Amino acid sequence: MKSGERPKQVRGLRQESRRFRLLVIVVGFFLVSLTFVVISKPEAILFNLNGKLPVDQAPTSILIKQKVNSPPVTSRKTSTDALPGGDPRVVDDEADVRPKGTKREEEESRVLSEPDPTSGMTELTPNKDGGGRKSDEETLGSDRGDGEWKGKEEERGHAVEKHKVTLPTVSNYTIHDTEDAENAKQDDGTSSDVQGSKPLCDFSNFRANVCEMRGDVRIHPNATSIMFMEPAGSQRDELWKIKPYPRKGDEFCLSHITELTVKSSKVAPECTKYHDVPAVIFSLTGYTGNLFHDFTDVMVPLFTTAGEFNGEVQFLITDMALWWTIKYHTVLQKLSMYPIIDFSKDDQVHCFKHVIVGLHAYMEFTIDSSKAPHNYSMVDFNRFMRGAYSLGRDTVTVLGELPKVKPRLLIIKRHRTRMFLNLDEIIAMAEELGFEVVIDEANVSSDISKFARLVNTVDVMMGVHGAGLTNCVFLPQNATLIQIVPWGGLEWVSRTDFGNPAELMGLHYKQYSISVDESSLTEQYPRDHEIFKNPIAFHKHGFDFIRQTFMDKQNVKLDCERFRPILLEALDNLNP
């Protein structure tokens, strides 16, 4: 090899090495970029300018002018019972918990002292993780030990397994898969014009805000938004914020409810799931987990809102409580034939022709038939509940119609608060009058189906004011509900929560207010104490005082001679 050739060869090899390294860097960069696009943003490859956005680019705040948003706030209270805790819990019907605070107590005192036919009694304390809550009766579960709670949890687990619940909660459920998308569009036959000039939402009801849309509606859970697609040239410009739980004005309760955005738009994410039935969106947090609130906040409003669809409706639930859907799966399956969509765990863009956000609700445990869709009433609700649980009796048996068959009286038994101190004496009197007496306790750990069947077999049900009386929804028509009102000026609350609803269901209703001598408070206070002379005056101390004094620390010893006429009237109601 010549002396000059070796340096030239070395320089050539170095140049080739640099070119190779440069090529490797370029190719590597290209591969990394392509990998990022394909894995992280696959929709970007398919993005086009047809007015639609990829799913993950769904706008959480589309740039449109805000037109309507904040409704006037009206404070309303509620009476009943709930449990602190996030998971499915088993609580009874004998406790009360209310949020404390001077301002809130003053407001509650005013409401209690000034009966309001449009409100219930008190406000309860929901917990942050969305589980059951206690109210008026069920919240004293806090005095239970961890061992008892664990035992109850295991019982509930066995119960769920035993019943083999067939109500799945799914995230990707669809009526039409993507391959049917175009057919669904062609068969739709609807457009945004179906909505006309009607606003998307109605915030005029004091108890519940509701949005209803007909046309091209797209629900994107990831963005917590419901978008009403507007045609080209439309001037509609709306944006609403709604929490789909019927406790409007109860800021403490609603602070735990997911807020949804309802808006009109010309830009929205692509549909990934198409449905050919309407959708109803509602929350399960709030005060659920307590028997009274399960019905007044969810069951009655859900029936009012979804009953007209005869099962052809899709439920989307925000703030899901799976244990609650399991407990009431019989009712939910009667209202909707489709698996529930868990709003918080779903990443699809669901497209509907008809969507209702929120539930129609009116007064406590009541349907206002003059305002409800299709003029639904509490008689309809009572009939629906009996049908849902396949209960045999639609109406009570007339006395003498069946020889040797006695009228049945169910007495709701309590164990810690507002107990009957002379239960044996009450039973003896009722049997003397000709009743067959049944004693049972109604609490949220009860098997709903089993207790419903029991209630449906009786002609008269009685108990001290509390959530257990909610079971009157299973009574046959013309049965009688007797509510015992504790001492303390709680008459109007008792009538609002249970008296009015019972009568609107087609039941007879009797309200018995105990006297001073029938109250165990006489063992705690002298007879000349102001608490007996003017109990209403103590309402100014707030509901926490009222709860502790007139509910948690009071039991009842019925004066059987004084109470006897009430049972005789119940017997008269069974005569033709």
Protein backbone atom coordinates (compact mmCIF):
# COMPACT_ATOMS: atom_id res chain seq x y z
CA MET A 1 0.00 0.00 0.00
CA LYS A 2 1.30 3.42 -0.95
CA SER A 3 2.10 5.87 1.81
CA GLY A 4 -0.71 8.32 0.83
CA GLU A 5 -3.51 5.76 0.39
CA ARG A 6 -3.96 4.79 4.06
CA PRO A 7 -4.81 8.31 5.31
CA LYS A 8 -7.32 8.70 2.44
CA GLN A 9 -8.95 5.38 3.33
CA VAL A 10 -9.24 6.39 7.01
CA ARG A 11 -10.83 9.71 6.07
CA GLY A 12 -13.32 7.91 3.82
CA LEU A 13 -14.34 5.51 6.58
CA ARG A 14 -14.86 8.39 9.01
CA GLN A 15 -17.11 10.23 6.54
CA GLU A 16 -19.20 7.10 5.94
CA SER A 17 -19.53 6.61 9.71
CA ARG A 18 -20.77 10.19 10.18
CA ARG A 19 -23.33 9.77 7.38
CA PHE A 20 -24.55 6.50 8.90
CA ARG A 21 -24.95 8.08 12.35
CA LEU A 22 -26.87 10.99 10.83
CA LEU A 23 -29.15 8.59 8.97
CA VAL A 24 -29.79 6.63 12.19
CA ILE A 25 -30.68 9.84 14.05
CA VAL A 26 -33.13 10.97 11.35
CA VAL A 27 -34.81 7.57 11.07
CA GLY A 28 -34.97 7.25 14.86
CA PHE A 29 -36.57 10.66 15.25
CA PHE A 30 -39.14 9.81 12.60
CA LEU A 31 -40.01 6.50 14.25
CA VAL A 32 -40.35 8.09 17.71
CA SER A 33 -42.61 10.84 16.33
CA LEU A 34 -44.77 8.36 14.44
CA THR A 35 -45.07 6.14 17.50
CA PHE A 36 -46.18 9.10 19.65
CA VAL A 37 -48.83 10.14 17.15
CA VAL A 38 -50.21 6.64 16.66
CA ILE A 39 -50.32 5.75 20.35
CA SER A 40 -51.18 9.08 21.98
CA LYS A 41 -53.24 10.86 19.32
CA PRO A 42 -54.62 8.31 16.87
CA GLU A 43 -57.55 10.55 16.03
CA ALA A 44 -55.20 13.26 14.78
CA ILE A 45 -54.46 11.14 11.73
CA LEU A 46 -58.14 10.98 10.90
CA PHE A 47 -59.04 14.54 11.83
CA ASN A 48 -61.05 16.36 9.19
CA LEU A 49 -62.87 19.65 8.90
CA ASN A 50 -66.45 18.45 9.02
CA GLY A 51 -67.30 20.35 12.19
CA LYS A 52 -66.56 17.39 14.51
CA LEU A 53 -63.76 16.78 16.93
CA PRO A 54 -61.96 13.62 18.06
CA VAL A 55 -63.27 12.12 21.29
CA ASP A 56 -60.36 13.19 23.47
CA GLN A 57 -60.56 16.74 22.14
CA ALA A 58 -64.15 17.27 23.19
CA PRO A 59 -64.30 20.85 24.45
CA THR A 60 -65.07 21.23 28.13
CA SER A 61 -65.78 24.89 27.56
CA ILE A 62 -66.74 25.68 23.97
CA LEU A 63 -66.33 29.33 23.14
CA ILE A 64 -69.94 30.40 23.09
CA LYS A 65 -71.57 33.26 24.85
CA GLN A 66 -73.05 32.29 28.22
CA LYS A 67 -76.73 33.10 28.11
CA VAL A 68 -78.37 31.45 31.08
CA ASN A 69 -76.83 29.80 34.08
CA SER A 70 -77.54 30.50 37.71
CA PRO A 71 -81.03 29.87 39.05
CA PRO A 72 -82.40 31.65 42.11
CA VAL A 73 -81.54 29.67 45.25
CA THR A 74 -84.37 28.57 47.47
CA SER A 75 -83.47 26.79 50.67
CA ARG A 76 -85.49 23.70 51.40
CA LYS A 77 -85.21 21.24 54.24
CA THR A 78 -85.94 17.59 54.50
CA SER A 79 -86.95 15.11 57.11
CA THR A 80 -85.81 11.55 57.53
CA ASP A 81 -82.78 9.40 57.95
CA ALA A 82 -79.33 8.61 56.48
CA LEU A 83 -75.90 7.13 57.18
CA PRO A 84 -72.37 8.53 57.07
CA GLY A 85 -70.05 6.39 55.02
CA GLY A 86 -69.22 5.85 51.43
CA ASP A 87 -69.76 2.19 50.67
CA PRO A 88 -73.01 0.28 50.94
CA ARG A 89 -73.82 0.37 54.61
CA VAL A 90 -76.48 -1.19 56.74
CA VAL A 91 -78.16 1.30 59.01
CA ASP A 92 -81.39 1.24 60.87
CA ASP A 93 -84.32 3.60 61.11
CA GLU A 94 -83.39 5.25 64.36
CA ALA A 95 -80.95 8.14 64.05
CA ASP A 96 -80.45 11.72 62.97
CA VAL A 97 -77.47 13.73 61.79
CA ARG A 98 -77.56 17.33 60.65
CA PRO A 99 -74.79 19.73 59.65
CA LYS A 100 -74.04 22.08 62.48
CA GLY A 101 -73.44 25.79 62.40
CA THR A 102 -75.08 28.86 63.82
CA LYS A 103 -76.37 30.18 60.50
CA ARG A 104 -77.77 26.81 59.43
CA GLU A 105 -79.34 26.21 62.83
CA GLU A 106 -81.04 29.60 62.76
CA GLU A 107 -82.43 28.84 59.31
CA GLU A 108 -83.64 25.40 60.38
CA SER A 109 -85.22 26.89 63.47
CA ARG A 110 -87.10 29.39 61.34
CA VAL A 111 -88.32 26.70 58.99
CA LEU A 112 -89.41 24.45 61.83
CA SER A 113 -91.23 27.27 63.60
CA GLU A 114 -92.96 28.43 60.43
CA PRO A 115 -94.56 25.44 58.72
CA ASP A 116 -94.04 25.50 54.98
CA PRO A 117 -96.18 23.15 52.92
CA THR A 118 -93.56 23.08 50.19
CA SER A 119 -90.74 21.81 52.32
CA GLY A 120 -89.72 18.85 54.39
CA MET A 121 -88.17 19.16 57.77
CA THR A 122 -84.46 19.02 57.97
CA GLU A 123 -81.17 18.90 56.20
CA LEU A 124 -78.88 15.90 56.46
CA THR A 125 -75.18 15.43 56.19
CA PRO A 126 -73.96 13.71 53.02
CA ASN A 127 -70.41 12.44 53.05
CA LYS A 128 -67.79 13.15 50.46
CA ASP A 129 -67.52 9.71 48.99
CA GLY A 130 -71.14 9.45 48.05
CA GLY A 131 -72.38 6.67 50.27
CA GLY A 132 -75.50 6.34 52.39
CA ARG A 133 -76.47 9.14 54.71
CA LYS A 134 -78.44 9.45 57.89
CA SER A 135 -81.33 11.70 58.46
CA ASP A 136 -84.09 12.07 60.92
CA GLU A 137 -83.90 8.48 62.16
CA GLU A 138 -81.17 6.29 60.77
CA THR A 139 -78.00 8.11 61.71
CA LEU A 140 -77.32 6.94 65.23
CA GLY A 141 -75.49 4.02 63.66
CA SER A 142 -72.31 5.79 64.80
CA ASP A 143 -72.69 4.15 68.19
CA ARG A 144 -72.10 0.72 66.67
CA GLY A 145 -68.81 -1.07 67.03
CA ASP A 146 -66.51 -1.98 64.15
CA GLY A 147 -67.32 -5.64 64.66
CA GLU A 148 -71.02 -5.07 64.08
CA TRP A 149 -70.35 -3.00 60.98
CA LYS A 150 -68.10 -5.78 59.63
CA GLY A 151 -70.77 -8.37 60.32
CA LYS A 152 -73.36 -6.31 58.50
CA GLU A 153 -71.03 -5.85 55.54
CA GLU A 154 -70.58 -9.63 55.30
CA GLU A 155 -74.34 -10.16 55.52
CA ARG A 156 -74.87 -7.75 52.67
CA GLY A 157 -72.24 -9.54 50.57
CA HIS A 158 -74.04 -12.84 51.08
CA ALA A 159 -77.35 -11.24 50.23
CA VAL A 160 -76.04 -9.92 46.93
CA GLU A 161 -74.59 -13.30 46.01
CA LYS A 162 -77.78 -15.07 47.03
CA HIS A 163 -80.02 -12.99 44.81
CA LYS A 164 -77.71 -13.24 41.81
CA VAL A 165 -78.48 -9.72 40.70
CA THR A 166 -78.77 -9.38 36.94
CA LEU A 167 -78.53 -5.61 36.75
CA PRO A 168 -75.07 -4.94 35.29
CA THR A 169 -73.46 -1.55 35.37
CA VAL A 170 -71.53 -1.09 32.17
CA SER A 171 -69.47 1.65 30.62
CA ASN A 172 -69.63 0.68 26.96
CA TYR A 173 -73.22 -0.40 26.57
CA THR A 174 -74.82 0.56 23.29
CA ILE A 175 -77.94 -0.13 21.31
CA HIS A 176 -76.19 0.50 17.99
CA ASP A 177 -72.50 -0.23 17.63
CA THR A 178 -70.32 1.99 15.48
CA GLU A 179 -70.88 -0.18 12.42
CA ASP A 180 -74.57 0.79 12.59
CA ALA A 181 -73.79 4.46 12.99
CA GLU A 182 -74.70 5.59 9.52
CA ASN A 183 -77.93 3.60 9.52
CA ALA A 184 -78.85 5.14 12.86
CA LYS A 185 -78.28 8.59 11.41
CA GLN A 186 -80.41 7.86 8.37
CA ASP A 187 -83.20 6.30 10.40
CA ASP A 188 -83.17 9.13 12.90
CA GLY A 189 -85.35 11.48 10.92
CA THR A 190 -84.89 14.10 13.65
CA SER A 191 -82.84 17.25 13.70
CA SER A 192 -81.99 20.02 16.08
CA ASP A 193 -85.07 21.83 14.81
CA VAL A 194 -87.18 19.43 16.90
CA GLN A 195 -86.28 21.52 19.94
CA GLY A 196 -87.77 24.60 18.35
CA SER A 197 -87.38 27.75 20.41
CA LYS A 198 -87.89 25.98 23.74
CA PRO A 199 -84.93 26.54 26.12
CA LEU A 200 -82.80 23.52 26.81
CA CYS A 201 -83.35 23.75 30.57
CA ASP A 202 -86.09 24.72 33.00
CA PHE A 203 -84.83 26.14 36.29
CA SER A 204 -88.20 27.50 37.46
CA ASN A 205 -89.09 24.63 39.82
CA PHE A 206 -88.10 25.38 43.43
CA ARG A 207 -87.06 21.79 44.08
CA ALA A 208 -85.36 20.48 40.95
CA ASN A 209 -83.73 21.76 37.77
CA VAL A 210 -84.36 19.72 34.63
CA CYS A 211 -82.98 19.94 31.09
CA GLU A 212 -84.70 18.23 28.18
CA MET A 213 -83.44 18.10 24.60
CA ARG A 214 -84.77 16.57 21.40
CA GLY A 215 -82.65 16.32 18.29
CA ASP A 216 -78.95 15.55 17.93
CA VAL A 217 -77.69 15.28 21.51
CA ARG A 218 -74.19 14.13 22.39
CA ILE A 219 -73.17 13.07 25.87
CA HIS A 220 -69.48 13.06 26.68
CA PRO A 221 -68.88 11.84 30.26
CA ASN A 222 -65.15 12.66 30.22
CA ALA A 223 -66.03 16.30 29.69
CA THR A 224 -69.12 16.07 31.96
CA SER A 225 -71.01 17.72 29.13
CA ILE A 226 -74.23 17.26 27.21
CA MET A 227 -74.14 19.01 23.82
CA PHE A 228 -77.19 19.90 21.78
CA MET A 229 -76.10 20.15 18.15
CA GLU A 230 -77.40 23.21 16.33
CA PRO A 231 -77.98 23.39 12.58
CA ALA A 232 -76.08 25.88 10.46
CA GLY A 233 -77.47 29.38 10.83
CA SER A 234 -79.03 28.75 14.24
CA GLN A 235 -78.87 31.64 16.67
CA ARG A 236 -79.38 29.48 19.78
CA ASP A 237 -76.73 30.36 22.34
CA GLU A 238 -77.20 28.54 25.63
CA LEU A 239 -75.00 27.22 28.40
CA TRP A 240 -76.34 25.77 31.66
CA LYS A 241 -74.75 24.22 34.75
CA ILE A 242 -76.83 21.55 36.46
CA LYS A 243 -76.44 19.07 39.32
CA PRO A 244 -78.97 16.30 38.62
CA TYR A 245 -80.24 15.69 42.16
CA PRO A 246 -83.59 17.10 43.36
CA ARG A 247 -82.46 19.09 46.39
CA LYS A 248 -82.25 22.50 44.78
CA GLY A 249 -81.05 25.16 47.20
CA ASP A 250 -79.47 22.63 49.55
CA GLU A 251 -75.91 23.73 48.90
CA PHE A 252 -74.41 21.32 51.42
CA CYS A 253 -76.03 18.34 49.74
CA LEU A 254 -75.32 19.52 46.19
CA SER A 255 -71.66 20.19 46.98
CA HIS A 256 -71.18 16.43 46.64
CA ILE A 257 -72.97 16.14 43.30
CA THR A 258 -71.07 16.21 39.99
CA GLU A 259 -71.92 19.34 38.01
CA LEU A 260 -72.77 18.83 34.35
CA THR A 261 -72.63 21.35 31.51
CA VAL A 262 -75.54 21.49 29.09
CA LYS A 263 -74.89 23.64 26.04
CA SER A 264 -75.88 24.30 22.47
CA SER A 265 -73.06 23.97 19.97
CA LYS A 266 -72.14 23.54 16.35
CA VAL A 267 -68.92 21.69 17.25
CA ALA A 268 -68.83 18.40 19.16
CA PRO A 269 -66.90 15.14 19.38
CA GLU A 270 -67.64 12.28 17.01
CA CYS A 271 -70.29 9.82 18.19
CA THR A 272 -68.93 6.46 19.29
CA LYS A 273 -72.19 4.95 20.59
CA TYR A 274 -75.63 5.43 19.07
CA HIS A 275 -78.86 4.82 21.00
CA ASP A 276 -82.42 4.69 19.72
CA VAL A 277 -84.12 5.20 23.10
CA PRO A 278 -84.25 8.32 25.28
CA ALA A 279 -81.70 8.92 28.05
CA VAL A 280 -82.29 10.03 31.65
CA ILE A 281 -79.28 11.33 33.61
CA PHE A 282 -79.38 11.57 37.41
CA SER A 283 -77.17 11.30 40.50
CA LEU A 284 -77.15 8.78 43.35
CA THR A 285 -75.11 10.68 45.92
CA GLY A 286 -76.96 13.28 47.99
CA TYR A 287 -78.88 11.70 50.86
CA THR A 288 -79.45 8.24 49.40
CA GLY A 289 -78.78 5.29 51.65
CA ASN A 290 -81.70 6.24 53.85
CA LEU A 291 -85.11 4.79 53.22
CA PHE A 292 -87.07 8.02 53.11
CA HIS A 293 -84.57 9.77 50.84
CA ASP A 294 -84.24 6.75 48.60
CA PHE A 295 -87.88 7.33 47.75
CA THR A 296 -88.40 11.08 48.03
CA ASP A 297 -85.14 11.99 46.24
CA VAL A 298 -84.85 9.16 43.70
CA MET A 299 -87.66 6.62 43.43
CA VAL A 300 -90.62 8.97 43.13
CA PRO A 301 -88.81 11.49 40.87
CA LEU A 302 -87.39 8.68 38.69
CA PHE A 303 -90.83 7.14 38.24
CA THR A 304 -92.27 10.56 37.42
CA THR A 305 -89.55 11.22 34.84
CA ALA A 306 -89.04 7.80 33.23
CA GLY A 307 -92.34 6.00 33.76
CA GLU A 308 -93.79 7.16 30.45
CA PHE A 309 -91.15 5.25 28.45
CA ASN A 310 -92.34 1.79 29.56
CA GLY A 311 -88.80 0.52 30.03
CA GLU A 312 -87.53 1.88 26.70
CA VAL A 313 -85.12 4.34 28.30
CA GLN A 314 -81.40 4.38 29.08
CA PHE A 315 -80.21 5.48 32.54
CA LEU A 316 -76.87 7.26 32.94
CA ILE A 317 -75.94 7.71 36.60
CA THR A 318 -73.43 10.24 37.88
CA ASP A 319 -71.86 9.65 41.31
CA MET A 320 -72.69 5.97 41.01
CA ALA A 321 -73.54 3.90 44.10
CA LEU A 322 -73.46 0.30 42.90
CA TRP A 323 -74.80 -1.03 46.20
CA TRP A 324 -77.87 1.20 45.76
CA THR A 325 -78.57 -0.12 42.26
CA ILE A 326 -78.26 -3.66 43.61
CA LYS A 327 -80.64 -2.96 46.48
CA TYR A 328 -83.30 -1.49 44.19
CA HIS A 329 -82.55 -3.52 41.07
CA THR A 330 -86.16 -4.77 40.94
CA VAL A 331 -87.49 -1.23 40.54
CA LEU A 332 -84.73 -0.12 38.17
CA GLN A 333 -85.30 -3.10 35.90
CA LYS A 334 -88.99 -2.26 35.80
CA LEU A 335 -88.23 1.31 34.71
CA SER A 336 -85.42 0.54 32.23
CA MET A 337 -84.70 -2.59 30.21
CA TYR A 338 -81.09 -1.55 29.54
CA PRO A 339 -77.94 -1.89 31.66
CA ILE A 340 -77.08 1.26 33.56
CA ILE A 341 -74.22 3.39 32.25
CA ASP A 342 -71.84 4.58 34.97
CA PHE A 343 -71.32 8.18 33.89
CA SER A 344 -68.11 8.68 35.85
CA LYS A 345 -66.35 5.63 34.36
CA ASP A 346 -67.42 5.95 30.75
CA ASP A 347 -65.21 7.35 27.99
CA GLN A 348 -67.58 7.02 25.04
CA VAL A 349 -69.48 9.75 23.23
CA HIS A 350 -73.12 8.66 23.43
CA CYS A 351 -75.56 10.03 20.90
CA PHE A 352 -79.29 10.23 21.60
CA LYS A 353 -82.36 11.80 20.00
CA HIS A 354 -83.98 12.63 23.34
CA VAL A 355 -82.20 13.38 26.63
CA ILE A 356 -83.48 14.41 30.07
CA VAL A 357 -80.93 15.67 32.60
CA GLY A 358 -82.21 15.68 36.17
CA LEU A 359 -85.46 14.33 37.64
CA HIS A 360 -88.89 15.90 37.93
CA ALA A 361 -89.55 16.44 41.64
CA TYR A 362 -92.05 18.47 43.61
CA MET A 363 -92.83 18.37 47.33
CA GLU A 364 -91.55 15.78 49.82
CA PHE A 365 -92.44 12.22 48.86
CA THR A 366 -95.14 13.56 46.55
CA ILE A 367 -96.05 13.96 42.89
CA ASP A 368 -97.81 17.12 41.76
CA SER A 369 -100.08 15.60 39.13
CA SER A 370 -100.91 19.04 37.70
CA LYS A 371 -97.25 19.48 36.72
CA ALA A 372 -95.99 15.92 36.26
CA PRO A 373 -95.60 14.40 32.77
CA HIS A 374 -98.82 12.63 31.75
CA ASN A 375 -100.38 13.84 35.03
CA TYR A 376 -98.79 11.02 37.00
CA SER A 377 -99.97 10.83 40.61
CA MET A 378 -99.02 9.06 43.83
CA VAL A 379 -101.81 6.58 43.12
CA ASP A 380 -99.88 5.65 39.97
CA PHE A 381 -96.68 5.36 42.00
CA ASN A 382 -98.33 3.13 44.60
CA ARG A 383 -99.68 0.91 41.80
CA PHE A 384 -96.25 0.85 40.14
CA MET A 385 -94.48 -0.23 43.35
CA ARG A 386 -96.97 -3.02 43.96
CA GLY A 387 -96.49 -4.18 40.39
CA ALA A 388 -92.70 -3.97 40.51
CA TYR A 389 -92.58 -6.37 43.46
CA SER A 390 -95.50 -8.49 42.19
CA LEU A 391 -97.55 -7.88 45.33
CA GLY A 392 -100.83 -9.74 45.47
CA ARG A 393 -103.24 -7.28 47.04
CA ASP A 394 -104.41 -4.21 45.17
CA THR A 395 -107.00 -3.24 47.78
CA VAL A 396 -107.90 -4.15 51.36
CA THR A 397 -110.36 -6.88 52.21
CA VAL A 398 -113.76 -5.65 53.36
CA LEU A 399 -114.65 -6.79 56.89
CA GLY A 400 -116.82 -9.90 56.78
CA GLU A 401 -116.02 -10.59 53.16
CA LEU A 402 -113.84 -13.53 54.14
CA PRO A 403 -115.25 -15.41 57.15
CA LYS A 404 -112.90 -15.91 60.10
CA VAL A 405 -110.25 -13.69 58.52
CA LYS A 406 -109.19 -10.93 60.91
CA PRO A 407 -107.95 -7.52 59.76
CA ARG A 408 -104.16 -7.34 60.07
CA LEU A 409 -102.32 -4.59 61.94
CA LEU A 410 -98.57 -4.07 61.41
CA ILE A 411 -96.78 -2.21 64.21
CA ILE A 412 -93.35 -0.84 63.24
CA LYS A 413 -91.02 -1.62 66.12
CA ARG A 414 -88.03 0.55 67.01
CA HIS A 415 -85.08 -0.31 69.25
CA ARG A 416 -83.22 2.84 70.34
CA THR A 417 -85.25 5.98 69.75
CA ARG A 418 -88.99 6.66 69.81
CA MET A 419 -89.68 3.16 71.08
CA PHE A 420 -93.06 1.94 72.28
CA LEU A 421 -92.48 1.42 76.01
CA ASN A 422 -95.73 -0.51 76.49
CA LEU A 423 -95.80 -2.56 73.32
CA ASP A 424 -97.39 -5.60 75.00
CA GLU A 425 -100.28 -3.47 76.26
CA ILE A 426 -100.81 -2.02 72.77
CA ILE A 427 -100.84 -5.50 71.23
CA ALA A 428 -103.37 -6.74 73.79
CA MET A 429 -105.70 -3.81 73.10
CA ALA A 430 -105.49 -4.28 69.33
CA GLU A 431 -106.21 -7.98 69.60
CA GLU A 432 -109.17 -7.25 71.87
CA LEU A 433 -110.58 -5.03 69.11
CA GLY A 434 -110.29 -7.91 66.63
CA PHE A 435 -106.93 -7.29 64.92
CA GLU A 436 -104.36 -9.89 64.04
CA VAL A 437 -101.20 -8.07 65.13
CA VAL A 438 -97.86 -8.33 63.31
CA ILE A 439 -94.70 -6.83 64.82
CA ASP A 440 -91.69 -6.06 62.67
CA GLU A 441 -88.98 -3.48 62.29
CA ALA A 442 -88.46 -1.58 59.06
CA ASN A 443 -84.89 -0.56 58.43
CA VAL A 444 -82.65 -0.21 55.45
CA SER A 445 -81.01 -3.55 56.10
CA SER A 446 -84.34 -5.26 55.52
CA ASP A 447 -84.84 -7.26 52.37
CA ILE A 448 -86.98 -4.88 50.34
CA SER A 449 -88.90 -7.64 48.56
CA LYS A 450 -89.61 -9.54 51.76
CA PHE A 451 -90.76 -6.51 53.73
CA ALA A 452 -92.85 -5.27 50.79
CA ARG A 453 -94.73 -8.57 50.76
CA LEU A 454 -95.39 -8.32 54.48
CA VAL A 455 -96.68 -4.74 54.27
CA ASN A 456 -98.96 -5.65 51.39
CA THR A 457 -100.70 -8.32 53.52
CA VAL A 458 -101.86 -5.89 56.22
CA ASP A 459 -104.83 -3.54 56.38
CA VAL A 460 -103.40 -1.06 58.90
CA MET A 461 -99.80 0.02 59.53
CA MET A 462 -98.74 2.14 62.49
CA GLY A 463 -95.50 3.52 63.90
CA VAL A 464 -93.81 6.51 65.47
CA HIS A 465 -92.62 9.23 63.05
CA GLY A 466 -89.61 7.88 61.18
CA ALA A 467 -88.32 6.55 57.88
CA GLY A 468 -89.90 3.14 58.42
CA LEU A 469 -93.28 4.64 57.53
CA THR A 470 -91.98 5.04 53.97
CA ASN A 471 -93.02 1.42 53.49
CA CYS A 472 -96.59 2.64 53.12
CA VAL A 473 -95.85 2.59 49.37
CA PHE A 474 -96.52 -1.16 49.49
CA LEU A 475 -99.89 -0.94 51.22
CA PRO A 476 -102.99 -1.91 49.23
CA GLN A 477 -105.50 0.76 48.31
CA ASN A 478 -107.81 1.92 51.14
CA ALA A 479 -105.44 0.61 53.82
CA THR A 480 -104.82 2.90 56.79
CA LEU A 481 -101.53 4.47 57.89
CA ILE A 482 -101.36 5.63 61.52
CA GLN A 483 -98.48 7.93 62.45
CA ILE A 484 -97.62 8.55 66.10
CA VAL A 485 -96.19 12.07 66.51
CA PRO A 486 -93.66 12.53 69.35
CA TRP A 487 -93.96 15.44 71.75
CA GLY A 488 -92.25 18.60 70.50
CA GLY A 489 -94.40 20.45 67.99
CA LEU A 490 -93.66 18.09 65.09
CA GLU A 491 -97.20 17.76 63.77
CA TRP A 492 -96.79 19.69 60.53
CA VAL A 493 -93.55 17.88 59.71
CA SER A 494 -95.17 14.50 60.23
CA ARG A 495 -98.11 15.37 58.01
CA THR A 496 -95.87 16.79 55.26
CA ASP A 497 -93.55 13.79 55.17
CA PHE A 498 -96.08 10.98 55.44
CA GLY A 499 -99.64 12.20 55.91
CA ASN A 500 -100.12 14.05 52.65
CA PRO A 501 -98.29 11.41 50.55
CA ALA A 502 -100.37 8.61 52.12
CA GLU A 503 -103.65 10.32 51.29
CA LEU A 504 -102.46 11.09 47.76
CA MET A 505 -101.70 7.36 47.33
CA GLY A 506 -105.31 6.49 48.09
CA LEU A 507 -104.70 5.45 51.70
CA HIS A 508 -106.58 6.46 54.83
CA TYR A 509 -104.41 8.45 57.21
CA LYS A 510 -104.63 9.03 60.95
CA GLN A 511 -102.23 11.18 62.94
CA TYR A 512 -102.00 10.75 66.69
CA SER A 513 -100.03 13.33 68.71
CA ILE A 514 -98.96 12.05 72.09
CA SER A 515 -99.67 14.01 75.25
CA VAL A 516 -97.12 15.04 77.87
CA ASP A 517 -98.04 12.02 80.00
CA GLU A 518 -97.23 9.67 77.09
CA SER A 519 -93.71 11.04 76.66
CA SER A 520 -90.60 9.74 78.39
CA LEU A 521 -89.42 13.36 78.61
CA THR A 522 -91.34 13.57 81.89
CA GLU A 523 -88.56 11.46 83.39
CA GLN A 524 -85.95 14.05 82.34
CA TYR A 525 -87.68 17.38 83.02
CA PRO A 526 -90.00 18.64 85.76
CA ARG A 527 -93.66 18.87 84.73
CA ASP A 528 -93.65 22.67 84.94
CA HIS A 529 -90.68 22.94 82.56
CA GLU A 530 -91.00 25.18 79.51
CA ILE A 531 -90.38 22.18 77.26
CA PHE A 532 -93.89 21.02 78.12
CA LYS A 533 -95.53 24.43 78.25
CA ASN A 534 -94.22 25.75 74.94
CA PRO A 535 -92.15 23.19 72.98
CA ILE A 536 -92.22 25.32 69.81
CA ALA A 537 -90.10 27.92 71.60
CA PHE A 538 -87.22 25.44 71.66
CA HIS A 539 -87.13 25.25 67.87
CA LYS A 540 -85.11 28.47 67.92
CA HIS A 541 -82.15 26.43 69.22
CA GLY A 542 -81.86 24.74 65.84
CA PHE A 543 -82.51 21.26 64.61
CA ASP A 544 -79.56 19.71 66.42
CA PHE A 545 -81.28 20.50 69.71
CA ILE A 546 -84.66 19.37 68.39
CA ARG A 547 -83.20 16.09 67.17
CA GLN A 548 -81.44 15.30 70.41
CA THR A 549 -84.33 16.38 72.63
CA PHE A 550 -87.52 15.38 70.85
CA MET A 551 -86.27 12.44 68.79
CA ASP A 552 -83.11 10.79 70.04
CA LYS A 553 -84.01 11.05 73.72
CA GLN A 554 -87.74 10.47 73.59
CA ASN A 555 -89.74 7.27 73.78
CA VAL A 556 -93.49 6.76 73.78
CA LYS A 557 -95.84 5.12 76.26
CA LEU A 558 -99.23 5.13 74.55
CA ASP A 559 -102.33 5.79 76.62
CA CYS A 560 -104.31 2.86 75.24
CA GLU A 561 -107.68 4.28 76.25
CA ARG A 562 -106.87 7.57 74.53
CA PHE A 563 -105.51 5.77 71.45
CA ARG A 564 -108.32 3.20 71.17
CA PRO A 565 -110.61 5.45 69.03
CA ILE A 566 -107.87 5.68 66.39
CA LEU A 567 -107.87 1.91 65.93
CA LEU A 568 -111.66 1.85 65.89
CA GLU A 569 -111.64 4.39 63.06
CA ALA A 570 -109.20 2.18 61.18
CA LEU A 571 -111.66 -0.69 61.55
CA ASP A 572 -114.47 1.51 60.26
CA ASN A 573 -112.40 2.20 57.15
CA LEU A 574 -112.59 -1.52 56.36
CA ASN A 575 -116.39 -1.49 56.31
CA PRO A 576 -118.16 -1.13 52.93
